[in-house]
Amino acid sequence: MNGNKLVRQIHRWLSLIFTVAVIINIVAMVRQAPAAWIGFLALVPLIPLLITGLYLFVLPYATRRAAAPGRRARRSRHASWGCAANLTNF
């Protein structure tokens, strides 16, 4: 499995775990018996979710900059829409 695919898969599973933790937190608050540890339950997957999300956000920009200087970078999918900002080559 490619490293980027592994990060994407980890990010997907972390998002599911985070969603379940938030639902558990909401149910505990509705029952009016919130324990302190239930409030922090959603923070456990949130920190690695933030790290993997930032990595996935930066990944396209990092690969574009890593392209050979003599080679033209891949055009954005929005370049065909006529956006002048997307026609520049970074």
N, C-alpha and C. Protein backbone atom coordinates (compact mmCIF):
# COMPACT_ATOMS: atom_id res chain seq x y z
N MET A 1 0.85 -1.18 0.00
CA MET A 1 0.00 0.00 0.00
C MET A 1 0.89 1.24 0.00
N ASN A 2 0.55 2.18 -0.85
CA ASN A 2 1.30 3.43 -0.96
C ASN A 2 1.16 4.23 0.35
N GLY A 3 2.19 5.01 0.67
CA GLY A 3 2.16 5.80 1.90
C GLY A 3 1.02 6.79 1.95
N ASN A 4 0.74 7.42 0.81
CA ASN A 4 -0.36 8.39 0.77
C ASN A 4 -1.71 7.70 0.95
N LYS A 5 -1.85 6.52 0.38
CA LYS A 5 -3.11 5.78 0.54
C LYS A 5 -3.29 5.35 1.98
N LEU A 6 -2.19 5.00 2.63
CA LEU A 6 -2.26 4.62 4.03
C LEU A 6 -2.70 5.80 4.89
N VAL A 7 -2.17 6.98 4.62
CA VAL A 7 -2.57 8.18 5.37
C VAL A 7 -4.04 8.48 5.13
N ARG A 8 -4.50 8.34 3.90
CA ARG A 8 -5.92 8.57 3.61
C ARG A 8 -6.82 7.59 4.36
N GLN A 9 -6.41 6.32 4.38
CA GLN A 9 -7.20 5.31 5.08
C GLN A 9 -7.23 5.58 6.58
N ILE A 10 -6.10 5.95 7.14
CA ILE A 10 -6.05 6.30 8.57
C ILE A 10 -6.94 7.50 8.84
N HIS A 11 -6.90 8.50 7.96
CA HIS A 11 -7.72 9.70 8.12
C HIS A 11 -9.21 9.34 8.09
N ARG A 12 -9.60 8.44 7.21
CA ARG A 12 -11.01 8.03 7.13
C ARG A 12 -11.45 7.33 8.42
N TRP A 13 -10.63 6.41 8.91
CA TRP A 13 -11.01 5.71 10.13
C TRP A 13 -11.02 6.64 11.33
N LEU A 14 -10.09 7.56 11.38
CA LEU A 14 -10.09 8.52 12.48
C LEU A 14 -11.33 9.40 12.45
N SER A 15 -11.78 9.75 11.27
CA SER A 15 -13.00 10.57 11.18
C SER A 15 -14.22 9.80 11.67
N LEU A 16 -14.27 8.51 11.40
CA LEU A 16 -15.38 7.69 11.92
C LEU A 16 -15.31 7.58 13.44
N ILE A 17 -14.11 7.37 13.97
CA ILE A 17 -13.95 7.30 15.42
C ILE A 17 -14.32 8.63 16.08
N PHE A 18 -13.93 9.73 15.46
CA PHE A 18 -14.26 11.05 15.99
C PHE A 18 -15.77 11.28 15.99
N THR A 19 -16.43 10.86 14.93
CA THR A 19 -17.89 11.01 14.85
C THR A 19 -18.59 10.22 15.94
N VAL A 20 -18.15 9.00 16.17
CA VAL A 20 -18.74 8.18 17.24
C VAL A 20 -18.48 8.82 18.60
N ALA A 21 -17.30 9.37 18.81
CA ALA A 21 -16.98 10.02 20.09
C ALA A 21 -17.86 11.25 20.31
N VAL A 22 -18.13 12.00 19.26
CA VAL A 22 -19.00 13.18 19.40
C VAL A 22 -20.43 12.75 19.71
N ILE A 23 -20.89 11.68 19.06
CA ILE A 23 -22.25 11.19 19.34
C ILE A 23 -22.36 10.71 20.79
N ILE A 24 -21.34 10.02 21.27
CA ILE A 24 -21.33 9.59 22.67
C ILE A 24 -21.35 10.79 23.60
N ASN A 25 -20.62 11.83 23.25
CA ASN A 25 -20.59 13.05 24.06
C ASN A 25 -21.97 13.72 24.08
N ILE A 26 -22.64 13.77 22.95
CA ILE A 26 -23.97 14.39 22.89
C ILE A 26 -24.98 13.59 23.71
N VAL A 27 -24.93 12.27 23.59
CA VAL A 27 -25.85 11.43 24.37
C VAL A 27 -25.60 11.61 25.86
N ALA A 28 -24.35 11.70 26.26
CA ALA A 28 -24.04 11.90 27.68
C ALA A 28 -24.52 13.26 28.18
N MET A 29 -24.45 14.27 27.32
CA MET A 29 -24.92 15.60 27.73
C MET A 29 -26.44 15.65 27.83
N VAL A 30 -27.13 14.91 26.96
CA VAL A 30 -28.59 14.88 27.01
C VAL A 30 -29.06 14.16 28.27
N ARG A 31 -28.35 13.14 28.66
CA ARG A 31 -28.71 12.40 29.87
C ARG A 31 -28.36 13.18 31.13
N GLN A 32 -27.71 14.29 31.00
CA GLN A 32 -27.30 15.18 32.08
C GLN A 32 -26.45 14.46 33.13
N ALA A 33 -25.63 13.58 32.65
CA ALA A 33 -24.67 12.93 33.52
C ALA A 33 -23.30 12.95 32.86
N PRO A 34 -22.84 14.15 32.43
CA PRO A 34 -21.56 14.18 31.71
C PRO A 34 -20.38 14.02 32.66
N ALA A 35 -19.61 13.02 32.41
CA ALA A 35 -18.37 12.84 33.15
C ALA A 35 -17.28 13.64 32.44
N ALA A 36 -16.25 13.99 33.16
CA ALA A 36 -15.18 14.80 32.57
C ALA A 36 -14.47 14.07 31.45
N TRP A 37 -14.28 12.76 31.60
CA TRP A 37 -13.54 12.01 30.58
C TRP A 37 -14.33 11.88 29.28
N ILE A 38 -15.66 11.94 29.35
CA ILE A 38 -16.46 11.84 28.12
C ILE A 38 -16.28 13.11 27.29
N GLY A 39 -16.12 14.24 27.93
CA GLY A 39 -15.87 15.48 27.21
C GLY A 39 -14.56 15.47 26.45
N PHE A 40 -13.56 14.79 27.01
CA PHE A 40 -12.25 14.70 26.36
C PHE A 40 -12.15 13.53 25.40
N LEU A 41 -13.17 12.72 25.33
CA LEU A 41 -13.14 11.53 24.48
C LEU A 41 -12.97 11.90 23.00
N ALA A 42 -13.58 12.99 22.58
CA ALA A 42 -13.49 13.39 21.17
C ALA A 42 -12.12 13.98 20.83
N LEU A 43 -11.38 14.41 21.82
CA LEU A 43 -10.07 15.00 21.54
C LEU A 43 -9.01 13.95 21.19
N VAL A 44 -9.21 12.72 21.61
CA VAL A 44 -8.22 11.67 21.35
C VAL A 44 -8.04 11.45 19.85
N PRO A 45 -9.10 11.23 19.06
CA PRO A 45 -8.89 11.06 17.62
C PRO A 45 -8.75 12.40 16.87
N LEU A 46 -9.11 13.50 17.53
CA LEU A 46 -9.08 14.78 16.84
C LEU A 46 -7.66 15.24 16.53
N ILE A 47 -6.72 14.99 17.40
CA ILE A 47 -5.34 15.45 17.18
C ILE A 47 -4.68 14.72 16.02
N PRO A 48 -4.73 13.37 15.95
CA PRO A 48 -4.17 12.74 14.74
C PRO A 48 -4.99 13.04 13.48
N LEU A 49 -6.28 13.30 13.65
CA LEU A 49 -7.11 13.67 12.51
C LEU A 49 -6.66 15.01 11.94
N LEU A 50 -6.30 15.94 12.81
CA LEU A 50 -5.78 17.23 12.38
C LEU A 50 -4.45 17.07 11.65
N ILE A 51 -3.57 16.23 12.17
CA ILE A 51 -2.26 16.03 11.56
C ILE A 51 -2.39 15.40 10.18
N THR A 52 -3.20 14.34 10.07
CA THR A 52 -3.37 13.70 8.76
C THR A 52 -4.11 14.60 7.79
N GLY A 53 -5.05 15.38 8.29
CA GLY A 53 -5.78 16.31 7.42
C GLY A 53 -4.87 17.39 6.87
N LEU A 54 -4.00 17.93 7.70
CA LEU A 54 -3.05 18.93 7.22
C LEU A 54 -2.08 18.34 6.21
N TYR A 55 -1.65 17.09 6.44
CA TYR A 55 -0.76 16.42 5.49
C TYR A 55 -1.46 16.25 4.14
N LEU A 56 -2.72 15.81 4.16
CA LEU A 56 -3.46 15.61 2.92
C LEU A 56 -3.75 16.94 2.22
N PHE A 57 -3.89 18.00 2.99
CA PHE A 57 -4.13 19.32 2.40
C PHE A 57 -2.89 19.84 1.68
N VAL A 58 -1.72 19.62 2.27
CA VAL A 58 -0.47 20.14 1.71
C VAL A 58 0.07 19.25 0.59
N LEU A 59 -0.34 18.00 0.55
CA LEU A 59 0.22 17.03 -0.39
C LEU A 59 0.17 17.48 -1.86
N PRO A 60 -0.94 17.98 -2.39
CA PRO A 60 -0.93 18.39 -3.80
C PRO A 60 0.04 19.54 -4.08
N TYR A 61 0.16 20.46 -3.15
CA TYR A 61 1.07 21.59 -3.34
C TYR A 61 2.53 21.14 -3.28
N ALA A 62 2.82 20.20 -2.40
CA ALA A 62 4.19 19.71 -2.26
C ALA A 62 4.60 18.91 -3.50
N THR A 63 3.70 18.12 -4.05
CA THR A 63 4.05 17.34 -5.23
C THR A 63 4.19 18.24 -6.45
N ARG A 64 3.42 19.30 -6.51
CA ARG A 64 3.53 20.23 -7.63
C ARG A 64 4.87 20.94 -7.60
N ARG A 65 5.33 21.32 -6.41
CA ARG A 65 6.62 21.99 -6.29
C ARG A 65 7.79 21.04 -6.52
N ALA A 66 7.57 19.77 -6.26
CA ALA A 66 8.63 18.78 -6.43
C ALA A 66 8.81 18.37 -7.88
N ALA A 67 7.91 18.82 -8.76
CA ALA A 67 8.03 18.49 -10.19
C ALA A 67 9.32 19.12 -10.73
N ALA A 68 9.87 18.49 -11.73
CA ALA A 68 11.12 18.99 -12.33
C ALA A 68 10.91 20.41 -12.85
N PRO A 69 11.93 21.30 -12.70
CA PRO A 69 11.76 22.70 -13.11
C PRO A 69 11.52 22.85 -14.62
N GLY A 70 12.08 21.98 -15.43
CA GLY A 70 11.89 22.10 -16.87
C GLY A 70 10.57 21.52 -17.35
N ARG A 71 9.93 20.76 -16.49
CA ARG A 71 8.69 20.12 -16.85
C ARG A 71 7.52 20.99 -16.44
N ARG A 72 6.52 21.07 -17.27
CA ARG A 72 5.35 21.87 -16.95
C ARG A 72 4.50 21.13 -15.92
N ALA A 73 4.06 21.84 -14.92
CA ALA A 73 3.23 21.24 -13.87
C ALA A 73 1.87 20.87 -14.44
N ARG A 74 1.24 19.89 -13.82
CA ARG A 74 -0.07 19.45 -14.26
C ARG A 74 -1.08 20.57 -14.05
N ARG A 75 -1.93 20.77 -15.05
CA ARG A 75 -2.92 21.83 -14.94
C ARG A 75 -4.01 21.44 -13.96
N SER A 76 -4.54 22.43 -13.32
CA SER A 76 -5.64 22.22 -12.40
C SER A 76 -6.89 21.86 -13.19
N ARG A 77 -7.80 21.15 -12.55
CA ARG A 77 -9.04 20.80 -13.24
C ARG A 77 -9.90 22.04 -13.49
N HIS A 78 -9.62 23.13 -12.76
CA HIS A 78 -10.36 24.37 -12.95
C HIS A 78 -9.78 25.23 -14.06
N ALA A 79 -8.63 24.86 -14.58
CA ALA A 79 -8.01 25.67 -15.61
C ALA A 79 -8.87 25.71 -16.87
N SER A 80 -9.62 24.66 -17.11
CA SER A 80 -10.47 24.65 -18.29
C SER A 80 -11.67 25.58 -18.12
N TRP A 81 -11.93 26.02 -16.91
CA TRP A 81 -13.04 26.94 -16.67
C TRP A 81 -12.66 28.38 -16.98
N GLY A 82 -11.41 28.61 -17.26
CA GLY A 82 -10.96 29.95 -17.64
C GLY A 82 -10.53 30.80 -16.45
N CYS A 83 -10.28 30.21 -15.33
CA CYS A 83 -9.82 30.97 -14.17
C CYS A 83 -8.37 31.39 -14.39
N ALA A 84 -8.11 32.66 -14.38
CA ALA A 84 -6.77 33.16 -14.66
C ALA A 84 -5.79 32.74 -13.57
N ALA A 85 -6.25 32.62 -12.34
CA ALA A 85 -5.35 32.27 -11.24
C ALA A 85 -4.85 30.84 -11.38
N ASN A 86 -5.60 29.97 -12.02
CA ASN A 86 -5.20 28.58 -12.14
C ASN A 86 -4.35 28.32 -13.38
N LEU A 87 -4.18 29.33 -14.23
CA LEU A 87 -3.39 29.14 -15.43
C LEU A 87 -1.91 29.40 -15.21
N THR A 88 -1.59 29.98 -14.06
CA THR A 88 -0.19 30.26 -13.78
C THR A 88 0.50 28.98 -13.36
N ASN A 89 1.77 28.90 -13.64
CA ASN A 89 2.54 27.71 -13.32
C ASN A 89 3.38 27.99 -12.09
N PHE A 90 3.11 27.30 -11.00
CA PHE A 90 3.84 27.53 -9.76
C PHE A 90 5.12 26.79 -9.84
